[in-house]
């Protein structure tokens, strides 16, 4: 599965708090959990994206994508994410600072 399409739903705002706002999609089927480099198509425009496949919660996965260069309101809009390259496995970080440093490294690869 290289594509995930869905309606953007409200997340918990944690990505925005860290300085990396995301669009969130609920998916029933996903590739393995982890971080991917890819693209996002939103309103007929393509953005480079860092995409996180989170572990399942109640039989569904939350997929988060930081669209590089996008700063609009995507809630309720359709987005298609294309996963192009697996970057790393899903990991919990001990501090927000460690997480921010890793997100910056991940986005450099996107």
PDB file of N, CA and C in Angstrom:
ATOM      1  N   UNK A   1       0.853  -1.184   0.000  1.00  0.00           N
ATOM      2  CA  UNK A   1       0.000   0.000   0.000  1.00  0.00           C
ATOM      3  C   UNK A   1       0.893   1.241   0.000  1.00  0.00           C
ATOM      4  N   UNK A   2       0.872   1.964  -1.091  1.00  0.00           N
ATOM      5  CA  UNK A   2       1.690   3.172  -1.195  1.00  0.00           C
ATOM      6  C   UNK A   2       0.872   4.443  -1.053  1.00  0.00           C
ATOM      7  N   UNK A   3      -0.459   4.328  -1.115  1.00  0.00           N
ATOM      8  CA  UNK A   3      -1.316   5.504  -1.039  1.00  0.00           C
ATOM      9  C   UNK A   3      -2.311   5.379   0.110  1.00  0.00           C
ATOM     10  N   UNK A   4      -2.556   6.492   0.777  1.00  0.00           N
ATOM     11  CA  UNK A   4      -3.595   6.573   1.799  1.00  0.00           C
ATOM     12  C   UNK A   4      -4.414   7.809   1.480  1.00  0.00           C
ATOM     13  N   UNK A   5      -5.705   7.627   1.271  1.00  0.00           N
ATOM     14  CA  UNK A   5      -6.590   8.751   0.968  1.00  0.00           C
ATOM     15  C   UNK A   5      -7.666   8.824   2.037  1.00  0.00           C
ATOM     16  N   UNK A   6      -7.953  10.030   2.476  1.00  0.00           N
ATOM     17  CA  UNK A   6      -8.995  10.194   3.475  1.00  0.00           C
ATOM     18  C   UNK A   6      -9.290  11.644   3.749  1.00  0.00           C
ATOM     19  N   UNK A   7     -10.282  11.855   4.584  1.00  0.00           N
ATOM     20  CA  UNK A   7     -10.687  13.196   4.988  1.00  0.00           C
ATOM     21  C   UNK A   7      -9.828  13.614   6.179  1.00  0.00           C
ATOM     22  N   UNK A   8      -9.350  14.840   6.150  1.00  0.00           N
ATOM     23  CA  UNK A   8      -8.531  15.362   7.236  1.00  0.00           C
ATOM     24  C   UNK A   8      -9.410  15.573   8.464  1.00  0.00           C
ATOM     25  N   UNK A   9      -8.977  14.966   9.577  1.00  0.00           N
ATOM     26  CA  UNK A   9      -9.705  15.072  10.846  1.00  0.00           C
ATOM     27  C   UNK A   9      -8.860  15.847  11.851  1.00  0.00           C
ATOM     28  N   UNK A  10      -9.534  16.312  12.882  1.00  0.00           N
ATOM     29  CA  UNK A  10      -8.835  17.064  13.926  1.00  0.00           C
ATOM     30  C   UNK A  10      -7.978  16.117  14.752  1.00  0.00           C
ATOM     31  N   UNK A  11      -6.734  16.511  14.977  1.00  0.00           N
ATOM     32  CA  UNK A  11      -5.835  15.744  15.822  1.00  0.00           C
ATOM     33  C   UNK A  11      -5.779  16.362  17.208  1.00  0.00           C
ATOM     34  N   UNK A  12      -4.747  15.982  17.944  1.00  0.00           N
ATOM     35  CA  UNK A  12      -4.624  16.510  19.305  1.00  0.00           C
ATOM     36  C   UNK A  12      -3.829  17.811  19.385  1.00  0.00           C
ATOM     37  N   UNK A  13      -3.318  18.293  18.245  1.00  0.00           N
ATOM     38  CA  UNK A  13      -2.598  19.565  18.225  1.00  0.00           C
ATOM     39  C   UNK A  13      -1.150  19.470  18.669  1.00  0.00           C
ATOM     40  N   UNK A  14      -0.663  18.253  18.924  1.00  0.00           N
ATOM     41  CA  UNK A  14       0.695  18.099  19.436  1.00  0.00           C
ATOM     42  C   UNK A  14       1.749  18.504  18.398  1.00  0.00           C
ATOM     43  N   UNK A  15       1.522  18.129  17.128  1.00  0.00           N
ATOM     44  CA  UNK A  15       2.459  18.519  16.065  1.00  0.00           C
ATOM     45  C   UNK A  15       2.569  20.034  15.948  1.00  0.00           C
ATOM     46  N   UNK A  16       1.447  20.715  16.001  1.00  0.00           N
ATOM     47  CA  UNK A  16       1.439  22.182  15.938  1.00  0.00           C
ATOM     48  C   UNK A  16       2.200  22.754  17.131  1.00  0.00           C
ATOM     49  N   UNK A  17       1.976  22.178  18.306  1.00  0.00           N
ATOM     50  CA  UNK A  17       2.663  22.641  19.522  1.00  0.00           C
ATOM     51  C   UNK A  17       4.179  22.542  19.362  1.00  0.00           C
ATOM     52  N   UNK A  18       4.641  21.481  18.693  1.00  0.00           N
ATOM     53  CA  UNK A  18       6.070  21.279  18.492  1.00  0.00           C
ATOM     54  C   UNK A  18       6.638  22.111  17.346  1.00  0.00           C
ATOM     55  N   UNK A  19       5.757  22.763  16.568  1.00  0.00           N
ATOM     56  CA  UNK A  19       6.211  23.555  15.432  1.00  0.00           C
ATOM     57  C   UNK A  19       6.113  22.839  14.101  1.00  0.00           C
ATOM     58  N   UNK A  20       5.445  21.682  14.085  1.00  0.00           N
ATOM     59  CA  UNK A  20       5.288  20.883  12.866  1.00  0.00           C
ATOM     60  C   UNK A  20       3.828  20.482  12.713  1.00  0.00           C
ATOM     61  N   UNK A  21       2.956  21.412  12.308  1.00  0.00           N
ATOM     62  CA  UNK A  21       1.536  21.062  12.185  1.00  0.00           C
ATOM     63  C   UNK A  21       1.338  19.928  11.179  1.00  0.00           C
ATOM     64  N   UNK A  22       0.341  19.096  11.454  1.00  0.00           N
ATOM     65  CA  UNK A  22       0.087  17.952  10.588  1.00  0.00           C
ATOM     66  C   UNK A  22      -1.363  17.910  10.146  1.00  0.00           C
ATOM     67  N   UNK A  23      -1.584  17.222   9.020  1.00  0.00           N
ATOM     68  CA  UNK A  23      -2.936  16.819   8.651  1.00  0.00           C
ATOM     69  C   UNK A  23      -3.064  15.390   9.156  1.00  0.00           C
ATOM     70  N   UNK A  24      -4.244  15.043   9.654  1.00  0.00           N
ATOM     71  CA  UNK A  24      -4.483  13.734  10.250  1.00  0.00           C
ATOM     72  C   UNK A  24      -5.574  12.998   9.489  1.00  0.00           C
ATOM     73  N   UNK A  25      -5.331  11.722   9.241  1.00  0.00           N
ATOM     74  CA  UNK A  25      -6.282  10.875   8.525  1.00  0.00           C
ATOM     75  C   UNK A  25      -6.410   9.575   9.320  1.00  0.00           C
ATOM     76  N   UNK A  26      -7.626   9.066   9.414  1.00  0.00           N
ATOM     77  CA  UNK A  26      -7.850   7.761  10.045  1.00  0.00           C
ATOM     78  C   UNK A  26      -7.881   6.715   8.933  1.00  0.00           C
ATOM     79  N   UNK A  27      -7.089   5.661   9.107  1.00  0.00           N
ATOM     80  CA  UNK A  27      -7.009   4.622   8.076  1.00  0.00           C
ATOM     81  C   UNK A  27      -7.189   3.256   8.719  1.00  0.00           C
ATOM     82  N   UNK A  28      -7.898   2.379   8.020  1.00  0.00           N
ATOM     83  CA  UNK A  28      -8.099   1.020   8.526  1.00  0.00           C
ATOM     84  C   UNK A  28      -6.950   0.108   8.135  1.00  0.00           C
ATOM     85  N   UNK A  29      -6.383   0.344   6.954  1.00  0.00           N
ATOM     86  CA  UNK A  29      -5.253  -0.455   6.493  1.00  0.00           C
ATOM     87  C   UNK A  29      -4.088   0.479   6.224  1.00  0.00           C
ATOM     88  N   UNK A  30      -2.914   0.100   6.728  1.00  0.00           N
ATOM     89  CA  UNK A  30      -1.724   0.914   6.516  1.00  0.00           C
ATOM     90  C   UNK A  30      -0.513   0.013   6.325  1.00  0.00           C
ATOM     91  N   UNK A  31       0.546   0.578   5.788  1.00  0.00           N
ATOM     92  CA  UNK A  31       1.806  -0.163   5.770  1.00  0.00           C
ATOM     93  C   UNK A  31       2.355  -0.227   7.196  1.00  0.00           C
ATOM     94  N   UNK A  32       3.514  -0.817   7.402  1.00  0.00           N
ATOM     95  CA  UNK A  32       4.067  -0.902   8.759  1.00  0.00           C
ATOM     96  C   UNK A  32       4.202   0.475   9.427  1.00  0.00           C
ATOM     97  N   UNK A  33       4.060   0.481  10.750  1.00  0.00           N
ATOM     98  CA  UNK A  33       4.199   1.722  11.515  1.00  0.00           C
ATOM     99  C   UNK A  33       5.581   2.295  11.305  1.00  0.00           C
ATOM    100  N   UNK A  34       5.652   3.615  11.329  1.00  0.00           N
ATOM    101  CA  UNK A  34       6.942   4.270  11.198  1.00  0.00           C
ATOM    102  C   UNK A  34       6.822   5.602  10.497  1.00  0.00           C
ATOM    103  N   UNK A  35       7.980   6.133  10.119  1.00  0.00           N
ATOM    104  CA  UNK A  35       8.068   7.439   9.470  1.00  0.00           C
ATOM    105  C   UNK A  35       8.490   7.233   8.017  1.00  0.00           C
ATOM    106  N   UNK A  36       7.798   7.925   7.131  1.00  0.00           N
ATOM    107  CA  UNK A  36       8.035   7.818   5.697  1.00  0.00           C
ATOM    108  C   UNK A  36       8.249   9.190   5.080  1.00  0.00           C
ATOM    109  N   UNK A  37       9.008   9.232   4.003  1.00  0.00           N
ATOM    110  CA  UNK A  37       9.088  10.415   3.152  1.00  0.00           C
ATOM    111  C   UNK A  37       8.088  10.181   2.034  1.00  0.00           C
ATOM    112  N   UNK A  38       7.368  11.232   1.662  1.00  0.00           N
ATOM    113  CA  UNK A  38       6.394  11.067   0.591  1.00  0.00           C
ATOM    114  C   UNK A  38       5.862  12.392   0.115  1.00  0.00           C
ATOM    115  N   UNK A  39       4.689  12.311  -0.471  1.00  0.00           N
ATOM    116  CA  UNK A  39       4.013  13.514  -0.940  1.00  0.00           C
ATOM    117  C   UNK A  39       2.572  13.496  -0.445  1.00  0.00           C
ATOM    118  N   UNK A  40       1.996  14.677  -0.431  1.00  0.00           N
ATOM    119  CA  UNK A  40       0.584  14.828  -0.079  1.00  0.00           C
ATOM    120  C   UNK A  40      -0.066  15.677  -1.158  1.00  0.00           C
ATOM    121  N   UNK A  41      -1.204  15.214  -1.649  1.00  0.00           N
ATOM    122  CA  UNK A  41      -1.962  15.996  -2.612  1.00  0.00           C
ATOM    123  C   UNK A  41      -3.192  16.520  -1.901  1.00  0.00           C
ATOM    124  N   UNK A  42      -3.284  17.847  -1.840  1.00  0.00           N
ATOM    125  CA  UNK A  42      -4.371  18.533  -1.146  1.00  0.00           C
ATOM    126  C   UNK A  42      -4.809  19.697  -2.004  1.00  0.00           C
ATOM    127  N   UNK A  43      -6.093  19.758  -2.316  1.00  0.00           N
ATOM    128  CA  UNK A  43      -6.654  20.816  -3.160  1.00  0.00           C
ATOM    129  C   UNK A  43      -5.873  20.955  -4.473  1.00  0.00           C
ATOM    130  N   UNK A  44      -5.605  19.811  -5.117  1.00  0.00           N
ATOM    131  CA  UNK A  44      -4.923  19.740  -6.406  1.00  0.00           C
ATOM    132  C   UNK A  44      -3.509  20.292  -6.396  1.00  0.00           C
ATOM    133  N   UNK A  45      -2.884  20.371  -5.227  1.00  0.00           N
ATOM    134  CA  UNK A  45      -1.498  20.807  -5.129  1.00  0.00           C
ATOM    135  C   UNK A  45      -0.713  19.716  -4.421  1.00  0.00           C
ATOM    136  N   UNK A  46       0.519  19.479  -4.880  1.00  0.00           N
ATOM    137  CA  UNK A  46       1.358  18.432  -4.305  1.00  0.00           C
ATOM    138  C   UNK A  46       2.416  19.064  -3.409  1.00  0.00           C
ATOM    139  N   UNK A  47       2.533  18.512  -2.202  1.00  0.00           N
ATOM    140  CA  UNK A  47       3.518  18.963  -1.220  1.00  0.00           C
ATOM    141  C   UNK A  47       4.436  17.806  -0.863  1.00  0.00           C
ATOM    142  N   UNK A  48       5.704  18.090  -0.616  1.00  0.00           N
ATOM    143  CA  UNK A  48       6.560  17.077  -0.009  1.00  0.00           C
ATOM    144  C   UNK A  48       6.069  16.909   1.417  1.00  0.00           C
ATOM    145  N   UNK A  49       6.178  15.697   1.952  1.00  0.00           N
ATOM    146  CA  UNK A  49       5.599  15.446   3.274  1.00  0.00           C
ATOM    147  C   UNK A  49       6.409  14.429   4.057  1.00  0.00           C
ATOM    148  N   UNK A  50       6.446  14.664   5.362  1.00  0.00           N
ATOM    149  CA  UNK A  50       6.910  13.667   6.313  1.00  0.00           C
ATOM    150  C   UNK A  50       5.668  13.000   6.868  1.00  0.00           C
ATOM    151  N   UNK A  51       5.593  11.685   6.783  1.00  0.00           N
ATOM    152  CA  UNK A  51       4.360  10.958   7.122  1.00  0.00           C
ATOM    153  C   UNK A  51       4.645   9.965   8.242  1.00  0.00           C
ATOM    154  N   UNK A  52       3.804  10.016   9.270  1.00  0.00           N
ATOM    155  CA  UNK A  52       3.930   9.109  10.412  1.00  0.00           C
ATOM    156  C   UNK A  52       2.733   8.174  10.451  1.00  0.00           C
ATOM    157  N   UNK A  53       3.014   6.876  10.461  1.00  0.00           N
ATOM    158  CA  UNK A  53       1.975   5.875  10.653  1.00  0.00           C
ATOM    159  C   UNK A  53       2.046   5.467  12.120  1.00  0.00           C
ATOM    160  N   UNK A  54       1.045   5.865  12.902  1.00  0.00           N
ATOM    161  CA  UNK A  54       0.979   5.547  14.331  1.00  0.00           C
ATOM    162  C   UNK A  54       0.426   4.149  14.543  1.00  0.00           C
ATOM    163  N   UNK A  55       0.755   3.530  15.673  1.00  0.00           N
ATOM    164  CA  UNK A  55       0.156   2.220  15.994  1.00  0.00           C
ATOM    165  C   UNK A  55      -1.369   2.302  16.087  1.00  0.00           C
ATOM    166  N   UNK A  56      -2.000   1.159  15.891  1.00  0.00           N
ATOM    167  CA  UNK A  56      -3.467   1.093  15.875  1.00  0.00           C
ATOM    168  C   UNK A  56      -4.088   1.455  17.209  1.00  0.00           C
ATOM    169  N   UNK A  57      -5.192   2.163  17.123  1.00  0.00           N
ATOM    170  CA  UNK A  57      -6.025   2.483  18.275  1.00  0.00           C
ATOM    171  C   UNK A  57      -7.445   2.081  17.889  1.00  0.00           C
ATOM    172  N   UNK A  58      -8.013   1.146  18.600  1.00  0.00           N
ATOM    173  CA  UNK A  58      -9.375   0.665  18.304  1.00  0.00           C
ATOM    174  C   UNK A  58      -9.547   0.253  16.839  1.00  0.00           C
ATOM    175  N   UNK A  59      -8.654  -0.580  16.349  1.00  0.00           N
ATOM    176  CA  UNK A  59      -8.708  -1.148  14.999  1.00  0.00           C
ATOM    177  C   UNK A  59      -8.473  -0.158  13.873  1.00  0.00           C
ATOM    178  N   UNK A  60      -8.094   1.059  14.185  1.00  0.00           N
ATOM    179  CA  UNK A  60      -7.793   2.031  13.138  1.00  0.00           C
ATOM    180  C   UNK A  60      -6.464   2.695  13.453  1.00  0.00           C
ATOM    181  N   UNK A  61      -5.811   3.198  12.421  1.00  0.00           N
ATOM    182  CA  UNK A  61      -4.535   3.876  12.590  1.00  0.00           C
ATOM    183  C   UNK A  61      -4.696   5.357  12.317  1.00  0.00           C
ATOM    184  N   UNK A  62      -3.981   6.134  13.091  1.00  0.00           N
ATOM    185  CA  UNK A  62      -3.939   7.558  12.812  1.00  0.00           C
ATOM    186  C   UNK A  62      -2.687   7.818  11.990  1.00  0.00           C
ATOM    187  N   UNK A  63      -2.884   8.429  10.857  1.00  0.00           N
ATOM    188  CA  UNK A  63      -1.790   8.777   9.975  1.00  0.00           C
ATOM    189  C   UNK A  63      -1.645  10.294  10.035  1.00  0.00           C
ATOM    190  N   UNK A  64      -0.425  10.749  10.315  1.00  0.00           N
ATOM    191  CA  UNK A  64      -0.162  12.178  10.399  1.00  0.00           C
ATOM    192  C   UNK A  64       0.850  12.552   9.336  1.00  0.00           C
ATOM    193  N   UNK A  65       0.643  13.693   8.691  1.00  0.00           N
ATOM    194  CA  UNK A  65       1.588  14.148   7.675  1.00  0.00           C
ATOM    195  C   UNK A  65       1.853  15.636   7.840  1.00  0.00           C
ATOM    196  N   UNK A  66       3.133  15.979   7.880  1.00  0.00           N
ATOM    197  CA  UNK A  66       3.533  17.384   7.879  1.00  0.00           C
ATOM    198  C   UNK A  66       3.804  17.742   6.429  1.00  0.00           C
ATOM    199  N   UNK A  67       2.992  18.649   5.887  1.00  0.00           N
ATOM    200  CA  UNK A  67       3.122  19.072   4.499  1.00  0.00           C
ATOM    201  C   UNK A  67       4.067  20.261   4.444  1.00  0.00           C
ATOM    202  N   UNK A  68       5.211  20.064   3.823  1.00  0.00           N
ATOM    203  CA  UNK A  68       6.227  21.108   3.768  1.00  0.00           C
ATOM    204  C   UNK A  68       5.730  22.257   2.886  1.00  0.00           C
ATOM    205  N   UNK A  69       5.638  23.432   3.485  1.00  0.00           N
ATOM    206  CA  UNK A  69       5.194  24.617   2.756  1.00  0.00           C
ATOM    207  C   UNK A  69       3.709  24.912   2.851  1.00  0.00           C
ATOM    208  N   UNK A  70       2.944  24.057   3.511  1.00  0.00           N
ATOM    209  CA  UNK A  70       1.496  24.274   3.643  1.00  0.00           C
ATOM    210  C   UNK A  70       1.196  24.890   5.001  1.00  0.00           C
ATOM    211  N   UNK A  71       0.343  25.919   4.998  1.00  0.00           N
ATOM    212  CA  UNK A  71      -0.020  26.538   6.274  1.00  0.00           C
ATOM    213  C   UNK A  71      -1.503  26.903   6.338  1.00  0.00           C
ATOM    214  N   UNK A  72      -2.323  26.197   5.579  1.00  0.00           N
ATOM    215  CA  UNK A  72      -3.757  26.483   5.564  1.00  0.00           C
ATOM    216  C   UNK A  72      -4.539  25.624   6.542  1.00  0.00           C
ATOM    217  N   UNK A  73      -5.846  25.678   6.413  1.00  0.00           N
ATOM    218  CA  UNK A  73      -6.762  24.882   7.228  1.00  0.00           C
ATOM    219  C   UNK A  73      -7.291  23.743   6.361  1.00  0.00           C
ATOM    220  N   UNK A  74      -6.895  22.530   6.662  1.00  0.00           N
ATOM    221  CA  UNK A  74      -7.251  21.384   5.824  1.00  0.00           C
ATOM    222  C   UNK A  74      -8.394  20.559   6.385  1.00  0.00           C
ATOM    223  N   UNK A  75      -8.945  20.921   7.546  1.00  0.00           N
ATOM    224  CA  UNK A  75      -9.985  20.104   8.173  1.00  0.00           C
ATOM    225  C   UNK A  75     -11.157  19.875   7.218  1.00  0.00           C
ATOM    226  N   UNK A  76     -11.567  18.607   7.104  1.00  0.00           N
ATOM    227  CA  UNK A  76     -12.700  18.242   6.272  1.00  0.00           C
ATOM    228  C   UNK A  76     -12.379  18.072   4.799  1.00  0.00           C
ATOM    229  N   UNK A  77     -11.150  18.354   4.399  1.00  0.00           N
ATOM    230  CA  UNK A  77     -10.765  18.225   2.993  1.00  0.00           C
ATOM    231  C   UNK A  77     -10.150  16.858   2.741  1.00  0.00           C
ATOM    232  N   UNK A  78     -10.227  16.419   1.497  1.00  0.00           N
ATOM    233  CA  UNK A  78      -9.627  15.139   1.113  1.00  0.00           C
ATOM    234  C   UNK A  78      -8.139  15.330   0.848  1.00  0.00           C
ATOM    235  N   UNK A  79      -7.339  14.376   1.339  1.00  0.00           N
ATOM    236  CA  UNK A  79      -5.903  14.390   1.093  1.00  0.00           C
ATOM    237  C   UNK A  79      -5.487  12.998   0.655  1.00  0.00           C
ATOM    238  N   UNK A  80      -4.541  12.944  -0.269  1.00  0.00           N
ATOM    239  CA  UNK A  80      -3.957  11.669  -0.675  1.00  0.00           C
ATOM    240  C   UNK A  80      -2.481  11.715  -0.334  1.00  0.00           C
ATOM    241  N   UNK A  81      -2.048  10.753   0.467  1.00  0.00           N
ATOM    242  CA  UNK A  81      -0.654  10.651   0.863  1.00  0.00           C
ATOM    243  C   UNK A  81      -0.008   9.522   0.070  1.00  0.00           C
ATOM    244  N   UNK A  82       1.150   9.801  -0.499  1.00  0.00           N
ATOM    245  CA  UNK A  82       1.905   8.764  -1.192  1.00  0.00           C
ATOM    246  C   UNK A  82       3.189   8.513  -0.409  1.00  0.00           C
ATOM    247  N   UNK A  83       3.363   7.282   0.044  1.00  0.00           N
ATOM    248  CA  UNK A  83       4.550   6.899   0.793  1.00  0.00           C
ATOM    249  C   UNK A  83       5.612   6.460  -0.197  1.00  0.00           C
ATOM    250  N   UNK A  84       6.723   7.187  -0.221  1.00  0.00           N
ATOM    251  CA  UNK A  84       7.757   6.900  -1.211  1.00  0.00           C
ATOM    252  C   UNK A  84       8.958   6.180  -0.628  1.00  0.00           C
ATOM    253  N   UNK A  85       9.314   6.499   0.645  1.00  0.00           N
ATOM    254  CA  UNK A  85      10.511   5.898   1.225  1.00  0.00           C
ATOM    255  C   UNK A  85      10.336   5.735   2.730  1.00  0.00           C
ATOM    256  N   UNK A  86      10.608   4.536   3.233  1.00  0.00           N
ATOM    257  CA  UNK A  86      10.581   4.289   4.669  1.00  0.00           C
ATOM    258  C   UNK A  86      11.832   4.908   5.269  1.00  0.00           C
ATOM    259  N   UNK A  87      11.655   5.770   6.303  1.00  0.00           N
ATOM    260  CA  UNK A  87      12.795   6.431   6.923  1.00  0.00           C
ATOM    261  C   UNK A  87      13.244   5.753   8.208  1.00  0.00           C
ATOM    262  N   UNK A  88      12.283   5.403   9.070  1.00  0.00           N
ATOM    263  CA  UNK A  88      12.647   4.783  10.347  1.00  0.00           C
ATOM    264  C   UNK A  88      11.422   4.183  11.004  1.00  0.00           C
ATOM    265  N   UNK A  89      11.671   3.336  12.005  1.00  0.00           N
ATOM    266  CA  UNK A  89      10.581   2.737  12.763  1.00  0.00           C
ATOM    267  C   UNK A  89       9.960   3.759  13.707  1.00  0.00           C
ATOM    268  N   UNK A  90       8.718   3.494  14.105  1.00  0.00           N
ATOM    269  CA  UNK A  90       8.027   4.319  15.093  1.00  0.00           C
ATOM    270  C   UNK A  90       8.777   4.225  16.415  1.00  0.00           C
ATOM    271  N   UNK A  91       8.934   5.351  17.104  1.00  0.00           N
ATOM    272  CA  UNK A  91       9.673   5.362  18.355  1.00  0.00           C
ATOM    273  C   UNK A  91       9.114   6.433  19.286  1.00  0.00           C
ATOM    274  N   UNK A  92       9.064   6.111  20.564  1.00  0.00           N
ATOM    275  CA  UNK A  92       8.721   7.098  21.595  1.00  0.00           C
ATOM    276  C   UNK A  92      10.012   7.759  22.042  1.00  0.00           C
ATOM    277  N   UNK A  93       9.957   9.070  22.278  1.00  0.00           N
ATOM    278  CA  UNK A  93      11.141   9.804  22.711  1.00  0.00           C
ATOM    279  C   UNK A  93      10.996  10.206  24.171  1.00  0.00           C
ATOM    280  N   UNK A  94      12.136  10.315  24.864  1.00  0.00           N
ATOM    281  CA  UNK A  94      12.129  10.658  26.282  1.00  0.00           C
ATOM    282  C   UNK A  94      11.773  12.121  26.521  1.00  0.00           C
ATOM    283  N   UNK A  95      12.169  13.001  25.595  1.00  0.00           N
ATOM    284  CA  UNK A  95      11.886  14.430  25.771  1.00  0.00           C
ATOM    285  C   UNK A  95      11.365  15.023  24.472  1.00  0.00           C
ATOM    286  N   UNK A  96      10.649  16.145  24.591  1.00  0.00           N
ATOM    287  CA  UNK A  96      10.175  16.848  23.389  1.00  0.00           C
ATOM    288  C   UNK A  96      11.351  17.352  22.567  1.00  0.00           C
ATOM    289  N   UNK A  97      12.428  17.767  23.244  1.00  0.00           N
ATOM    290  CA  UNK A  97      13.606  18.268  22.529  1.00  0.00           C
ATOM    291  C   UNK A  97      14.179  17.188  21.620  1.00  0.00           C
ATOM    292  N   UNK A  98      14.302  15.957  22.130  1.00  0.00           N
ATOM    293  CA  UNK A  98      14.799  14.841  21.312  1.00  0.00           C
ATOM    294  C   UNK A  98      13.881  14.595  20.119  1.00  0.00           C
ATOM    295  N   UNK A  99      12.574  14.669  20.355  1.00  0.00           N
ATOM    296  CA  UNK A  99      11.604  14.457  19.282  1.00  0.00           C
ATOM    297  C   UNK A  99      11.737  15.540  18.213  1.00  0.00           C
ATOM    298  N   UNK A 100      11.853  16.790  18.615  1.00  0.00           N
ATOM    299  CA  UNK A 100      11.979  17.896  17.653  1.00  0.00           C
ATOM    300  C   UNK A 100      13.239  17.735  16.813  1.00  0.00           C
ATOM    301  N   UNK A 101      14.349  17.367  17.447  1.00  0.00           N
ATOM    302  CA  UNK A 101      15.600  17.151  16.710  1.00  0.00           C
ATOM    303  C   UNK A 101      15.411  16.050  15.672  1.00  0.00           C
ATOM    304  N   UNK A 102      14.728  14.955  16.055  1.00  0.00           N
ATOM    305  CA  UNK A 102      14.522  13.843  15.121  1.00  0.00           C
ATOM    306  C   UNK A 102      13.572  14.240  13.989  1.00  0.00           C
ATOM    307  N   UNK A 103      12.516  14.987  14.296  1.00  0.00           N
ATOM    308  CA  UNK A 103      11.580  15.434  13.251  1.00  0.00           C
ATOM    309  C   UNK A 103      12.330  16.273  12.213  1.00  0.00           C
ATOM    310  N   UNK A 104      13.191  17.165  12.683  1.00  0.00           N
ATOM    311  CA  UNK A 104      13.971  17.994  11.738  1.00  0.00           C
ATOM    312  C   UNK A 104      14.833  17.127  10.849  1.00  0.00           C
ATOM    313  N   UNK A 105      15.469  16.099  11.412  1.00  0.00           N
ATOM    314  CA  UNK A 105      16.280  15.178  10.610  1.00  0.00           C
ATOM    315  C   UNK A 105      15.415  14.437   9.597  1.00  0.00           C
ATOM    316  N   UNK A 106      14.249  13.983  10.052  1.00  0.00           N
ATOM    317  CA  UNK A 106      13.341  13.262   9.145  1.00  0.00           C
ATOM    318  C   UNK A 106      12.921  14.152   7.985  1.00  0.00           C
ATOM    319  N   UNK A 107      12.560  15.393   8.277  1.00  0.00           N
ATOM    320  CA  UNK A 107      12.081  16.295   7.229  1.00  0.00           C
ATOM    321  C   UNK A 107      13.177  16.668   6.243  1.00  0.00           C
ATOM    322  N   UNK A 108      14.417  16.691   6.700  1.00  0.00           N
ATOM    323  CA  UNK A 108      15.532  16.944   5.777  1.00  0.00           C
ATOM    324  C   UNK A 108      15.602  15.858   4.697  1.00  0.00           C
ATOM    325  N   UNK A 109      15.205  14.645   5.056  1.00  0.00           N
ATOM    326  CA  UNK A 109      15.223  13.528   4.104  1.00  0.00           C
ATOM    327  C   UNK A 109      14.034  13.568   3.148  1.00  0.00           C
ATOM    328  N   UNK A 110      13.042  14.368   3.495  1.00  0.00           N
ATOM    329  CA  UNK A 110      11.844  14.441   2.654  1.00  0.00           C
ATOM    330  C   UNK A 110      12.053  15.410   1.508  1.00  0.00           C
TER     331      UNK A 110
END
